[in-house]
PDB file of N, CA and C in Angstrom:
ATOM      1  N   MET A   1      28.587 -85.068 150.957  1.00  0.00           N
ATOM      2  CA  MET A   1      27.883 -85.261 149.708  1.00  0.00           C
ATOM      3  C   MET A   1      28.547 -86.379 148.910  1.00  0.00           C
ATOM      4  N   LYS A   2      28.459 -87.590 149.400  1.00  0.00           N
ATOM      5  CA  LYS A   2      29.023 -88.729 148.677  1.00  0.00           C
ATOM      6  C   LYS A   2      28.080 -89.229 147.593  1.00  0.00           C
ATOM      7  N   HIS A   3      26.794 -89.005 147.752  1.00  0.00           N
ATOM      8  CA  HIS A   3      25.801 -89.449 146.779  1.00  0.00           C
ATOM      9  C   HIS A   3      25.393 -88.259 145.925  1.00  0.00           C
ATOM     10  N   MET A   4      25.410 -88.440 144.609  1.00  0.00           N
ATOM     11  CA  MET A   4      24.999 -87.378 143.698  1.00  0.00           C
ATOM     12  C   MET A   4      24.073 -87.964 142.641  1.00  0.00           C
ATOM     13  N   ILE A   5      23.097 -87.169 142.223  1.00  0.00           N
ATOM     14  CA  ILE A   5      22.207 -87.538 141.129  1.00  0.00           C
ATOM     15  C   ILE A   5      22.753 -86.851 139.875  1.00  0.00           C
ATOM     16  N   LEU A   6      23.026 -87.636 138.849  1.00  0.00           N
ATOM     17  CA  LEU A   6      23.626 -87.126 137.622  1.00  0.00           C
ATOM     18  C   LEU A   6      22.708 -87.389 136.439  1.00  0.00           C
ATOM     19  N   THR A   7      22.827 -86.549 135.416  1.00  0.00           N
ATOM     20  CA  THR A   7      22.118 -86.793 134.165  1.00  0.00           C
ATOM     21  C   THR A   7      23.153 -86.898 133.050  1.00  0.00           C
ATOM     22  N   VAL A   8      22.906 -87.805 132.131  1.00  0.00           N
ATOM     23  CA  VAL A   8      23.775 -88.014 130.973  1.00  0.00           C
ATOM     24  C   VAL A   8      22.971 -87.582 129.756  1.00  0.00           C
ATOM     25  N   PRO A   9      23.535 -86.739 128.877  1.00  0.00           N
ATOM     26  CA  PRO A   9      22.759 -86.196 127.752  1.00  0.00           C
ATOM     27  C   PRO A   9      22.096 -87.247 126.857  1.00  0.00           C
ATOM     28  N   GLU A  10      22.754 -88.350 126.548  1.00  0.00           N
ATOM     29  CA  GLU A  10      22.187 -89.338 125.630  1.00  0.00           C
ATOM     30  C   GLU A  10      21.204 -90.281 126.299  1.00  0.00           C
ATOM     31  N   VAL A  11      21.149 -90.269 127.615  1.00  0.00           N
ATOM     32  CA  VAL A  11      20.314 -91.205 128.366  1.00  0.00           C
ATOM     33  C   VAL A  11      19.016 -90.503 128.762  1.00  0.00           C
ATOM     34  N   ASP A  12      17.875 -91.038 128.273  1.00  0.00           N
ATOM     35  CA  ASP A  12      16.596 -90.397 128.572  1.00  0.00           C
ATOM     36  C   ASP A  12      15.525 -91.359 129.084  1.00  0.00           C
ATOM     37  N   THR A  13      15.902 -92.613 129.342  1.00  0.00           N
ATOM     38  CA  THR A  13      14.951 -93.570 129.911  1.00  0.00           C
ATOM     39  C   THR A  13      15.628 -94.344 131.041  1.00  0.00           C
ATOM     40  N   ARG A  14      14.805 -94.947 131.871  1.00  0.00           N
ATOM     41  CA  ARG A  14      15.320 -95.736 132.986  1.00  0.00           C
ATOM     42  C   ARG A  14      16.117 -96.945 132.494  1.00  0.00           C
ATOM     43  N   GLU A  15      15.701 -97.539 131.383  1.00  0.00           N
ATOM     44  CA  GLU A  15      16.382 -98.716 130.847  1.00  0.00           C
ATOM     45  C   GLU A  15      17.800 -98.373 130.382  1.00  0.00           C
ATOM     46  N   LYS A  16      17.956 -97.233 129.713  1.00  0.00           N
ATOM     47  CA  LYS A  16      19.286 -96.802 129.277  1.00  0.00           C
ATOM     48  C   LYS A  16      20.171 -96.482 130.478  1.00  0.00           C
ATOM     49  N   ALA A  17      19.581 -95.892 131.511  1.00  0.00           N
ATOM     50  CA  ALA A  17      20.345 -95.561 132.720  1.00  0.00           C
ATOM     51  C   ALA A  17      20.788 -96.828 133.443  1.00  0.00           C
ATOM     52  N   ALA A  18      19.970 -97.861 133.416  1.00  0.00           N
ATOM     53  CA  ALA A  18      20.310 -99.115 134.093  1.00  0.00           C
ATOM     54  C   ALA A  18      21.530 -99.781 133.457  1.00  0.00           C
ATOM     55  N   LYS A  19      21.778 -99.529 132.178  1.00  0.00           N
ATOM     56  CA  LYS A  19      22.945-100.107 131.505  1.00  0.00           C
ATOM     57  C   LYS A  19      24.255 -99.490 131.993  1.00  0.00           C
ATOM     58  N   LEU A  20      24.191 -98.308 132.606  1.00  0.00           N
ATOM     59  CA  LEU A  20      25.391 -97.628 133.105  1.00  0.00           C
ATOM     60  C   LEU A  20      25.786 -98.065 134.515  1.00  0.00           C
ATOM     61  N   VAL A  21      24.935 -98.819 135.189  1.00  0.00           N
ATOM     62  CA  VAL A  21      25.204 -99.223 136.573  1.00  0.00           C
ATOM     63  C   VAL A  21      26.501-100.020 136.640  1.00  0.00           C
ATOM     64  N   GLY A  22      27.363 -99.629 137.588  1.00  0.00           N
ATOM     65  CA  GLY A  22      28.639-100.297 137.786  1.00  0.00           C
ATOM     66  C   GLY A  22      29.809 -99.586 137.124  1.00  0.00           C
ATOM     67  N   LYS A  23      29.534 -98.623 136.255  1.00  0.00           N
ATOM     68  CA  LYS A  23      30.619 -97.902 135.582  1.00  0.00           C
ATOM     69  C   LYS A  23      31.245 -96.884 136.529  1.00  0.00           C
ATOM     70  N   LYS A  24      32.451 -96.463 136.175  1.00  0.00           N
ATOM     71  CA  LYS A  24      33.221 -95.524 136.988  1.00  0.00           C
ATOM     72  C   LYS A  24      32.898 -94.088 136.587  1.00  0.00           C
ATOM     73  N   VAL A  25      32.837 -93.197 137.575  1.00  0.00           N
ATOM     74  CA  VAL A  25      32.588 -91.782 137.360  1.00  0.00           C
ATOM     75  C   VAL A  25      33.740 -91.008 137.977  1.00  0.00           C
ATOM     76  N   VAL A  26      34.280 -90.013 137.244  1.00  0.00           N
ATOM     77  CA  VAL A  26      35.415 -89.239 137.738  1.00  0.00           C
ATOM     78  C   VAL A  26      35.089 -87.756 137.685  1.00  0.00           C
ATOM     79  N   PHE A  27      35.216 -87.075 138.834  1.00  0.00           N
ATOM     80  CA  PHE A  27      35.083 -85.618 138.904  1.00  0.00           C
ATOM     81  C   PHE A  27      36.474 -85.047 139.125  1.00  0.00           C
ATOM     82  N   THR A  28      36.873 -84.089 138.298  1.00  0.00           N
ATOM     83  CA  THR A  28      38.182 -83.468 138.410  1.00  0.00           C
ATOM     84  C   THR A  28      38.007 -82.077 139.016  1.00  0.00           C
ATOM     85  N   THR A  29      38.708 -81.817 140.123  1.00  0.00           N
ATOM     86  CA  THR A  29      38.630 -80.512 140.778  1.00  0.00           C
ATOM     87  C   THR A  29      39.440 -79.489 139.999  1.00  0.00           C
ATOM     88  N   GLN A  30      39.321 -78.234 140.377  1.00  0.00           N
ATOM     89  CA  GLN A  30      40.061 -77.163 139.712  1.00  0.00           C
ATOM     90  C   GLN A  30      41.561 -77.319 139.900  1.00  0.00           C
ATOM     91  N   THR A  31      41.989 -77.971 140.980  1.00  0.00           N
ATOM     92  CA  THR A  31      43.414 -78.173 141.237  1.00  0.00           C
ATOM     93  C   THR A  31      43.960 -79.417 140.554  1.00  0.00           C
ATOM     94  N   GLY A  32      43.109 -80.174 139.879  1.00  0.00           N
ATOM     95  CA  GLY A  32      43.547 -81.350 139.146  1.00  0.00           C
ATOM     96  C   GLY A  32      43.362 -82.665 139.875  1.00  0.00           C
ATOM     97  N   LYS A  33      42.887 -82.630 141.117  1.00  0.00           N
ATOM     98  CA  LYS A  33      42.634 -83.880 141.843  1.00  0.00           C
ATOM     99  C   LYS A  33      41.405 -84.560 141.266  1.00  0.00           C
ATOM    100  N   GLU A  34      41.450 -85.883 141.241  1.00  0.00           N
ATOM    101  CA  GLU A  34      40.320 -86.653 140.734  1.00  0.00           C
ATOM    102  C   GLU A  34      39.615 -87.345 141.883  1.00  0.00           C
ATOM    103  N   ILE A  35      38.306 -87.208 141.920  1.00  0.00           N
ATOM    104  CA  ILE A  35      37.483 -87.898 142.907  1.00  0.00           C
ATOM    105  C   ILE A  35      36.692 -88.951 142.134  1.00  0.00           C
ATOM    106  N   VAL A  36      36.901 -90.201 142.504  1.00  0.00           N
ATOM    107  CA  VAL A  36      36.335 -91.330 141.759  1.00  0.00           C
ATOM    108  C   VAL A  36      35.080 -91.841 142.460  1.00  0.00           C
ATOM    109  N   GLY A  37      34.107 -92.226 141.655  1.00  0.00           N
ATOM    110  CA  GLY A  37      32.877 -92.798 142.184  1.00  0.00           C
ATOM    111  C   GLY A  37      32.401 -93.923 141.290  1.00  0.00           C
ATOM    112  N   LYS A  38      31.268 -94.491 141.656  1.00  0.00           N
ATOM    113  CA  LYS A  38      30.702 -95.617 140.925  1.00  0.00           C
ATOM    114  C   LYS A  38      29.205 -95.396 140.786  1.00  0.00           C
ATOM    115  N   ILE A  39      28.655 -95.716 139.622  1.00  0.00           N
ATOM    116  CA  ILE A  39      27.221 -95.577 139.401  1.00  0.00           C
ATOM    117  C   ILE A  39      26.516 -96.716 140.113  1.00  0.00           C
ATOM    118  N   ALA A  40      25.608 -96.352 141.022  1.00  0.00           N
ATOM    119  CA  ALA A  40      24.953 -97.343 141.872  1.00  0.00           C
ATOM    120  C   ALA A  40      23.612 -97.814 141.312  1.00  0.00           C
ATOM    121  N   SER A  41      22.818 -96.876 140.773  1.00  0.00           N
ATOM    122  CA  SER A  41      21.495 -97.266 140.300  1.00  0.00           C
ATOM    123  C   SER A  41      20.899 -96.167 139.436  1.00  0.00           C
ATOM    124  N   ALA A  42      19.795 -96.519 138.771  1.00  0.00           N
ATOM    125  CA  ALA A  42      19.022 -95.519 138.038  1.00  0.00           C
ATOM    126  C   ALA A  42      18.181 -94.753 139.053  1.00  0.00           C
ATOM    127  N   HIS A  43      17.837 -93.519 138.714  1.00  0.00           N
ATOM    128  CA  HIS A  43      17.053 -92.689 139.625  1.00  0.00           C
ATOM    129  C   HIS A  43      15.918 -92.050 138.833  1.00  0.00           C
ATOM    130  N   GLY A  44      14.707 -92.466 139.110  1.00  0.00           N
ATOM    131  CA  GLY A  44      13.558 -91.908 138.407  1.00  0.00           C
ATOM    132  C   GLY A  44      13.377 -92.541 137.036  1.00  0.00           C
ATOM    133  N   ASN A  45      12.476 -91.950 136.253  1.00  0.00           N
ATOM    134  CA  ASN A  45      12.134 -92.516 134.954  1.00  0.00           C
ATOM    135  C   ASN A  45      12.674 -91.715 133.780  1.00  0.00           C
ATOM    136  N   ILE A  46      13.419 -90.629 134.032  1.00  0.00           N
ATOM    137  CA  ILE A  46      13.892 -89.791 132.927  1.00  0.00           C
ATOM    138  C   ILE A  46      15.363 -90.032 132.598  1.00  0.00           C
ATOM    139  N   GLY A  47      15.976 -91.059 133.163  1.00  0.00           N
ATOM    140  CA  GLY A  47      17.336 -91.404 132.818  1.00  0.00           C
ATOM    141  C   GLY A  47      18.406 -90.869 133.741  1.00  0.00           C
ATOM    142  N   ALA A  48      18.043 -90.344 134.891  1.00  0.00           N
ATOM    143  CA  ALA A  48      19.045 -89.885 135.852  1.00  0.00           C
ATOM    144  C   ALA A  48      19.684 -91.100 136.519  1.00  0.00           C
ATOM    145  N   ILE A  49      20.915 -90.913 137.014  1.00  0.00           N
ATOM    146  CA  ILE A  49      21.626 -91.994 137.689  1.00  0.00           C
ATOM    147  C   ILE A  49      22.129 -91.509 139.041  1.00  0.00           C
ATOM    148  N   ARG A  50      22.290 -92.454 139.973  1.00  0.00           N
ATOM    149  CA  ARG A  50      22.812 -92.123 141.302  1.00  0.00           C
ATOM    150  C   ARG A  50      24.227 -92.659 141.380  1.00  0.00           C
ATOM    151  N   ALA A  51      25.173 -91.764 141.692  1.00  0.00           N
ATOM    152  CA  ALA A  51      26.574 -92.148 141.809  1.00  0.00           C
ATOM    153  C   ALA A  51      27.021 -91.973 143.256  1.00  0.00           C
ATOM    154  N   ILE A  52      27.852 -92.906 143.725  1.00  0.00           N
ATOM    155  CA  ILE A  52      28.417 -92.840 145.067  1.00  0.00           C
ATOM    156  C   ILE A  52      29.910 -92.646 144.919  1.00  0.00           C
ATOM    157  N   PHE A  53      30.438 -91.565 145.509  1.00  0.00           N
ATOM    158  CA  PHE A  53      31.850 -91.239 145.401  1.00  0.00           C
ATOM    159  C   PHE A  53      32.610 -91.712 146.629  1.00  0.00           C
ATOM    160  N   GLU A  54      33.937 -91.941 146.457  1.00  0.00           N
ATOM    161  CA  GLU A  54      34.780 -92.437 147.546  1.00  0.00           C
ATOM    162  C   GLU A  54      34.824 -91.452 148.705  1.00  0.00           C
ATOM    163  N   ARG A  55      34.966 -90.183 148.391  1.00  0.00           N
ATOM    164  CA  ARG A  55      34.955 -89.147 149.414  1.00  0.00           C
ATOM    165  C   ARG A  55      33.976 -88.079 148.973  1.00  0.00           C
ATOM    166  N   GLY A  56      33.597 -87.226 149.872  1.00  0.00           N
ATOM    167  CA  GLY A  56      32.600 -86.213 149.565  1.00  0.00           C
ATOM    168  C   GLY A  56      33.060 -85.231 148.507  1.00  0.00           C
ATOM    169  N   LEU A  57      32.116 -84.787 147.699  1.00  0.00           N
ATOM    170  CA  LEU A  57      32.420 -83.802 146.673  1.00  0.00           C
ATOM    171  C   LEU A  57      32.279 -82.395 147.256  1.00  0.00           C
ATOM    172  N   PRO A  58      33.095 -81.453 146.776  1.00  0.00           N
ATOM    173  CA  PRO A  58      32.964 -80.084 147.251  1.00  0.00           C
ATOM    174  C   PRO A  58      31.683 -79.445 146.710  1.00  0.00           C
ATOM    175  N   GLY A  59      31.251 -78.383 147.322  1.00  0.00           N
ATOM    176  CA  GLY A  59      30.044 -77.689 146.879  1.00  0.00           C
ATOM    177  C   GLY A  59      30.154 -77.144 145.474  1.00  0.00           C
ATOM    178  N   GLN A  60      31.375 -76.835 145.026  1.00  0.00           N
ATOM    179  CA  GLN A  60      31.578 -76.315 143.680  1.00  0.00           C
ATOM    180  C   GLN A  60      31.274 -77.361 142.606  1.00  0.00           C
ATOM    181  N   SER A  61      31.125 -78.617 142.988  1.00  0.00           N
ATOM    182  CA  SER A  61      30.893 -79.675 142.003  1.00  0.00           C
ATOM    183  C   SER A  61      29.441 -79.700 141.502  1.00  0.00           C
ATOM    184  N   VAL A  62      28.531 -79.063 142.210  1.00  0.00           N
ATOM    185  CA  VAL A  62      27.122 -79.074 141.808  1.00  0.00           C
ATOM    186  C   VAL A  62      26.986 -78.313 140.493  1.00  0.00           C
ATOM    187  N   GLY A  63      26.439 -78.965 139.487  1.00  0.00           N
ATOM    188  CA  GLY A  63      26.249 -78.355 138.190  1.00  0.00           C
ATOM    189  C   GLY A  63      27.434 -78.505 137.257  1.00  0.00           C
ATOM    190  N   GLN A  64      28.503 -79.144 137.696  1.00  0.00           N
ATOM    191  CA  GLN A  64      29.691 -79.316 136.863  1.00  0.00           C
ATOM    192  C   GLN A  64      29.631 -80.652 136.115  1.00  0.00           C
ATOM    193  N   LYS A  65      30.553 -80.846 135.179  1.00  0.00           N
ATOM    194  CA  LYS A  65      30.585 -82.062 134.375  1.00  0.00           C
ATOM    195  C   LYS A  65      31.508 -83.106 134.994  1.00  0.00           C
ATOM    196  N   VAL A  66      31.150 -84.378 134.783  1.00  0.00           N
ATOM    197  CA  VAL A  66      31.969 -85.512 135.222  1.00  0.00           C
ATOM    198  C   VAL A  66      32.197 -86.423 134.025  1.00  0.00           C
ATOM    199  N   LYS A  67      33.184 -87.308 134.140  1.00  0.00           N
ATOM    200  CA  LYS A  67      33.453 -88.296 133.097  1.00  0.00           C
ATOM    201  C   LYS A  67      32.887 -89.633 133.518  1.00  0.00           C
ATOM    202  N   VAL A  68      32.195 -90.293 132.607  1.00  0.00           N
ATOM    203  CA  VAL A  68      31.694 -91.651 132.834  1.00  0.00           C
ATOM    204  C   VAL A  68      32.572 -92.575 132.008  1.00  0.00           C
ATOM    205  N   GLU A  69      33.237 -93.516 132.673  1.00  0.00           N
ATOM    206  CA  GLU A  69      34.158 -94.424 131.972  1.00  0.00           C
ATOM    207  C   GLU A  69      33.654 -95.845 132.002  1.00  0.00           C
TER     208      GLU A  69
END
């Protein structure tokens, strides 16, 4: 699961999502390890974004929060 579809609360259009392309995304596991990814593109018309992570995310990451830097 290297590719994930994410939603950002303040982003609700495709144009706003396109401004985030290229930014870094960090998921922190329960043990404190950080899995880093990059926003690749907008997904759909409601402001979702597609992020590609360096290594696969665990199943526990579905529905959890990530940091967009």
